Structures are given as structure tokens and as C-alpha cells.
Amino acid sequence: MPVKKIFYTEKAPLPKGPYSQAVIHNGLMYVSGQIPIDSVTGLMVKGTIEEETETVLNNLKIIVEESGAGMGDVLRVSCYLADMEDFARFNSVYEKYFQTAPPARSTFQAGRLPLDVQIEMDAIVAVPDTGRQ
């Protein structure tokens, strides 16, 4: 019987609440919402939507790669923006991380995000059997 495995890496920001950085089950990794926290300093990045998006995607990339997967293995991303007026600017950064065969995606405007950030993203990733779990 498959068992869920808690996954985390100290190379990406640790959760700010009672949840796992990611959970792996049946070859899929469910990455919790990432907000713009600098992976090196641990400090919140309060900048333009482009800067915050870059930080979030960098954190997602770290988690994905530490699991043994790659950005091409990302199957689905849910994106939460504080303001849909930022949609085009957000996309200009997002598309750099998913240049070919982008994952399925939904984007929503959220009334207010944790710690008043402009963006949050979570993802579902196919992970290899040999990945760090």
C-alpha cells in the first residue's frame, strides 16, 4: 500500500505554518504554496510583481530539482495573484521557467495573500522513483 512521504529541502524556504513543504504519493509531488521568500536570506521579497514571481519560481525550481525531478516534470501549477492587472507582467517571468511543454495551469485573483505578498504558487510534479523522498 502506497504511503505518503513528507518532502522538504533546507535549500528552499521552510513552511511558515503547520504544513509540509511538499508531499510525495504514488509518483506525484504536491508542492505547497510558495510565496516570495528569498531562499538564501530567508527574508520576504517585497518588490515588483516580476521580482516576486522570480523568487517564487526559483523556490519552486529548487524544491522540484531537490526531489530529483526537473521543471519539465511539473504537471500543474496554480497561481494566485493579488491583482489580475499584473497578469501580463507575471506571465513574462513565468514563461522563462516553462519555455517548452508548459504545465497545465490555473490563475486566480486572490483577495489577500499571506503576509500581503503579490503572488503565491503551488504545483503538482511527477517525481522519479529514485528521487530523494
C-alpha atoms as a PDB file:
ATOM      1  CA  MET A   1       0.000   0.000   0.000  1.00  0.00           C
ATOM      2  CA  PRO A   2       1.499   3.363  -1.048  1.00  0.00           C
ATOM      3  CA  VAL A   3       2.431   5.691   1.758  1.00  0.00           C
ATOM      4  CA  LYS A   4       2.659   9.447   1.591  1.00  0.00           C
ATOM      5  CA  LYS A   5       6.138  10.803   2.207  1.00  0.00           C
ATOM      6  CA  ILE A   6       6.879  14.246   3.564  1.00  0.00           C
ATOM      7  CA  PHE A   7       9.481  16.048   1.488  1.00  0.00           C
ATOM      8  CA  TYR A   8      11.453  19.143   2.309  1.00  0.00           C
ATOM      9  CA  THR A   9      14.763  20.726   1.464  1.00  0.00           C
ATOM     10  CA  GLU A  10      16.616  23.316   3.501  1.00  0.00           C
ATOM     11  CA  LYS A  11      17.680  24.937   0.210  1.00  0.00           C
ATOM     12  CA  ALA A  12      14.193  26.449  -0.132  1.00  0.00           C
ATOM     13  CA  PRO A  13      12.250  28.440   2.458  1.00  0.00           C
ATOM     14  CA  LEU A  14      10.683  26.256   5.114  1.00  0.00           C
ATOM     15  CA  PRO A  15       6.911  26.445   5.685  1.00  0.00           C
ATOM     16  CA  LYS A  16       5.579  29.384   7.677  1.00  0.00           C
ATOM     17  CA  GLY A  17       2.782  27.318   9.202  1.00  0.00           C
ATOM     18  CA  PRO A  18       1.628  23.792  10.086  1.00  0.00           C
ATOM     19  CA  TYR A  19       2.058  22.232   6.640  1.00  0.00           C
ATOM     20  CA  SER A  20       4.704  20.342   4.669  1.00  0.00           C
ATOM     21  CA  GLN A  21       6.889  21.929   2.011  1.00  0.00           C
ATOM     22  CA  ALA A  22       5.765  19.047  -0.230  1.00  0.00           C
ATOM     23  CA  VAL A  23       4.200  15.604  -0.017  1.00  0.00           C
ATOM     24  CA  ILE A  24       5.033  12.708  -2.351  1.00  0.00           C
ATOM     25  CA  HIS A  25       2.494   9.965  -3.070  1.00  0.00           C
ATOM     26  CA  ASN A  26       2.259   7.483  -5.953  1.00  0.00           C
ATOM     27  CA  GLY A  27       4.964   9.212  -8.003  1.00  0.00           C
ATOM     28  CA  LEU A  28       3.478  12.674  -7.630  1.00  0.00           C
ATOM     29  CA  MET A  29       4.815  15.501  -5.506  1.00  0.00           C
ATOM     30  CA  TYR A  30       2.347  18.093  -4.252  1.00  0.00           C
ATOM     31  CA  VAL A  31       4.262  21.299  -3.534  1.00  0.00           C
ATOM     32  CA  SER A  32       2.647  23.648  -1.019  1.00  0.00           C
ATOM     33  CA  GLY A  33       2.083  27.283  -1.872  1.00  0.00           C
ATOM     34  CA  GLN A  34       5.316  29.189  -2.344  1.00  0.00           C
ATOM     35  CA  ILE A  35       5.497  32.889  -1.574  1.00  0.00           C
ATOM     36  CA  PRO A  36       8.372  35.290  -2.323  1.00  0.00           C
ATOM     37  CA  ILE A  37      10.825  34.436   0.431  1.00  0.00           C
ATOM     38  CA  ASP A  38      14.484  34.607  -0.562  1.00  0.00           C
ATOM     39  CA  SER A  39      15.905  31.082  -0.398  1.00  0.00           C
ATOM     40  CA  VAL A  40      19.311  32.317   0.801  1.00  0.00           C
ATOM     41  CA  THR A  41      18.444  35.034   3.319  1.00  0.00           C
ATOM     42  CA  GLY A  42      15.029  33.771   4.408  1.00  0.00           C
ATOM     43  CA  LEU A  43      13.709  37.321   4.072  1.00  0.00           C
ATOM     44  CA  MET A  44      10.492  38.318   2.348  1.00  0.00           C
ATOM     45  CA  VAL A  45      10.994  39.851  -1.092  1.00  0.00           C
ATOM     46  CA  LYS A  46       8.731  42.884  -1.346  1.00  0.00           C
ATOM     47  CA  GLY A  47       9.210  44.225  -4.845  1.00  0.00           C
ATOM     48  CA  THR A  48       7.605  44.346  -8.249  1.00  0.00           C
ATOM     49  CA  ILE A  49       5.388  41.510  -9.418  1.00  0.00           C
ATOM     50  CA  GLU A  50       8.289  40.433 -11.636  1.00  0.00           C
ATOM     51  CA  GLU A  51      10.696  40.241  -8.672  1.00  0.00           C
ATOM     52  CA  GLU A  52       8.215  38.381  -6.503  1.00  0.00           C
ATOM     53  CA  THR A  53       7.346  35.961  -9.335  1.00  0.00           C
ATOM     54  CA  GLU A  54      11.032  35.265  -9.984  1.00  0.00           C
ATOM     55  CA  THR A  55      11.557  34.484  -6.292  1.00  0.00           C
ATOM     56  CA  VAL A  56       8.550  32.155  -6.120  1.00  0.00           C
ATOM     57  CA  LEU A  57       9.541  30.282  -9.281  1.00  0.00           C
ATOM     58  CA  ASN A  58      13.131  29.977  -8.093  1.00  0.00           C
ATOM     59  CA  ASN A  59      11.886  28.409  -4.844  1.00  0.00           C
ATOM     60  CA  LEU A  60       9.630  26.044  -6.779  1.00  0.00           C
ATOM     61  CA  LYS A  61      12.553  25.086  -9.034  1.00  0.00           C
ATOM     62  CA  ILE A  62      14.750  24.327  -6.016  1.00  0.00           C
ATOM     63  CA  ILE A  63      12.121  22.036  -4.499  1.00  0.00           C
ATOM     64  CA  VAL A  64      11.477  20.299  -7.826  1.00  0.00           C
ATOM     65  CA  GLU A  65      15.167  19.714  -8.517  1.00  0.00           C
ATOM     66  CA  GLU A  66      15.933  18.579  -4.975  1.00  0.00           C
ATOM     67  CA  SER A  67      13.263  15.883  -5.406  1.00  0.00           C
ATOM     68  CA  GLY A  68      15.165  14.520  -8.399  1.00  0.00           C
ATOM     69  CA  ALA A  69      12.702  15.929 -10.937  1.00  0.00           C
ATOM     70  CA  GLY A  70      13.054  18.870 -13.322  1.00  0.00           C
ATOM     71  CA  MET A  71      10.851  21.773 -14.342  1.00  0.00           C
ATOM     72  CA  GLY A  72       9.748  19.706 -17.350  1.00  0.00           C
ATOM     73  CA  ASP A  73       8.161  17.287 -14.865  1.00  0.00           C
ATOM     74  CA  VAL A  74       5.814  19.930 -13.458  1.00  0.00           C
ATOM     75  CA  LEU A  75       2.317  18.781 -14.419  1.00  0.00           C
ATOM     76  CA  ARG A  76       0.140  21.537 -12.982  1.00  0.00           C
ATOM     77  CA  VAL A  77       0.587  24.933 -11.363  1.00  0.00           C
ATOM     78  CA  SER A  78      -1.991  27.008  -9.518  1.00  0.00           C
ATOM     79  CA  CYS A  79      -1.138  30.699  -9.387  1.00  0.00           C
ATOM     80  CA  TYR A  80      -2.712  33.222  -7.056  1.00  0.00           C
ATOM     81  CA  LEU A  81      -2.259  36.912  -7.814  1.00  0.00           C
ATOM     82  CA  ALA A  82      -3.270  39.741  -5.525  1.00  0.00           C
ATOM     83  CA  ASP A  83      -4.191  41.777  -8.621  1.00  0.00           C
ATOM     84  CA  MET A  84      -5.052  40.393 -12.084  1.00  0.00           C
ATOM     85  CA  GLU A  85      -3.777  43.666 -13.541  1.00  0.00           C
ATOM     86  CA  ASP A  86      -0.345  42.056 -13.023  1.00  0.00           C
ATOM     87  CA  PHE A  87      -1.217  39.045 -15.216  1.00  0.00           C
ATOM     88  CA  ALA A  88       0.881  40.020 -18.280  1.00  0.00           C
ATOM     89  CA  ARG A  89       3.896  41.027 -16.176  1.00  0.00           C
ATOM     90  CA  PHE A  90       3.625  37.795 -14.174  1.00  0.00           C
ATOM     91  CA  ASN A  91       3.477  35.781 -17.420  1.00  0.00           C
ATOM     92  CA  SER A  92       6.630  37.467 -18.740  1.00  0.00           C
ATOM     93  CA  VAL A  93       8.591  35.840 -15.894  1.00  0.00           C
ATOM     94  CA  TYR A  94       6.607  32.581 -15.728  1.00  0.00           C
ATOM     95  CA  GLU A  95       7.243  31.732 -19.375  1.00  0.00           C
ATOM     96  CA  LYS A  96      11.024  31.805 -18.817  1.00  0.00           C
ATOM     97  CA  TYR A  97      10.692  28.808 -16.488  1.00  0.00           C
ATOM     98  CA  PHE A  98       8.375  26.818 -18.780  1.00  0.00           C
ATOM     99  CA  GLN A  99       9.591  27.534 -22.320  1.00  0.00           C
ATOM    100  CA  THR A 100       8.577  24.205 -23.865  1.00  0.00           C
ATOM    101  CA  ALA A 101       5.644  21.959 -22.984  1.00  0.00           C
ATOM    102  CA  PRO A 102       4.338  24.174 -20.167  1.00  0.00           C
ATOM    103  CA  PRO A 103       2.275  22.523 -17.440  1.00  0.00           C
ATOM    104  CA  ALA A 104      -1.475  22.836 -17.062  1.00  0.00           C
ATOM    105  CA  ARG A 105      -2.242  25.982 -15.098  1.00  0.00           C
ATOM    106  CA  SER A 106      -4.952  27.981 -13.417  1.00  0.00           C
ATOM    107  CA  THR A 107      -4.517  31.589 -12.343  1.00  0.00           C
ATOM    108  CA  PHE A 108      -6.793  33.268  -9.829  1.00  0.00           C
ATOM    109  CA  GLN A 109      -7.070  36.681  -8.254  1.00  0.00           C
ATOM    110  CA  ALA A 110      -6.936  36.275  -4.501  1.00  0.00           C
ATOM    111  CA  GLY A 111      -8.406  38.949  -2.281  1.00  0.00           C
ATOM    112  CA  ARG A 112      -5.440  38.889   0.079  1.00  0.00           C
ATOM    113  CA  LEU A 113      -2.470  36.551   0.176  1.00  0.00           C
ATOM    114  CA  PRO A 114      -0.405  35.513   3.216  1.00  0.00           C
ATOM    115  CA  LEU A 115       1.872  38.262   4.530  1.00  0.00           C
ATOM    116  CA  ASP A 116       0.395  40.616   1.901  1.00  0.00           C
ATOM    117  CA  VAL A 117       2.531  39.228  -0.931  1.00  0.00           C
ATOM    118  CA  GLN A 118       1.530  39.756  -4.561  1.00  0.00           C
ATOM    119  CA  ILE A 119       1.816  36.120  -5.639  1.00  0.00           C
ATOM    120  CA  GLU A 120       1.644  32.534  -4.412  1.00  0.00           C
ATOM    121  CA  MET A 121       2.019  29.306  -6.419  1.00  0.00           C
ATOM    122  CA  ASP A 122       1.598  25.620  -5.712  1.00  0.00           C
ATOM    123  CA  ALA A 123       2.359  22.730  -8.052  1.00  0.00           C
ATOM    124  CA  ILE A 124       1.974  19.042  -8.809  1.00  0.00           C
ATOM    125  CA  VAL A 125       5.126  17.351 -10.109  1.00  0.00           C
ATOM    126  CA  ALA A 126       5.883  13.872 -11.461  1.00  0.00           C
ATOM    127  CA  VAL A 127       8.893  12.621  -9.485  1.00  0.00           C
ATOM    128  CA  PRO A 128      11.242   9.770 -10.382  1.00  0.00           C
ATOM    129  CA  ASP A 129      11.231   6.600  -8.290  1.00  0.00           C
ATOM    130  CA  THR A 130      14.844   7.301  -7.376  1.00  0.00           C
ATOM    131  CA  GLY A 131      14.176  10.871  -6.177  1.00  0.00           C
ATOM    132  CA  ARG A 132      15.012  11.948  -2.635  1.00  0.00           C
ATOM    133  CA  GLN A 133      11.958  11.158  -0.611  1.00  0.00           C
END
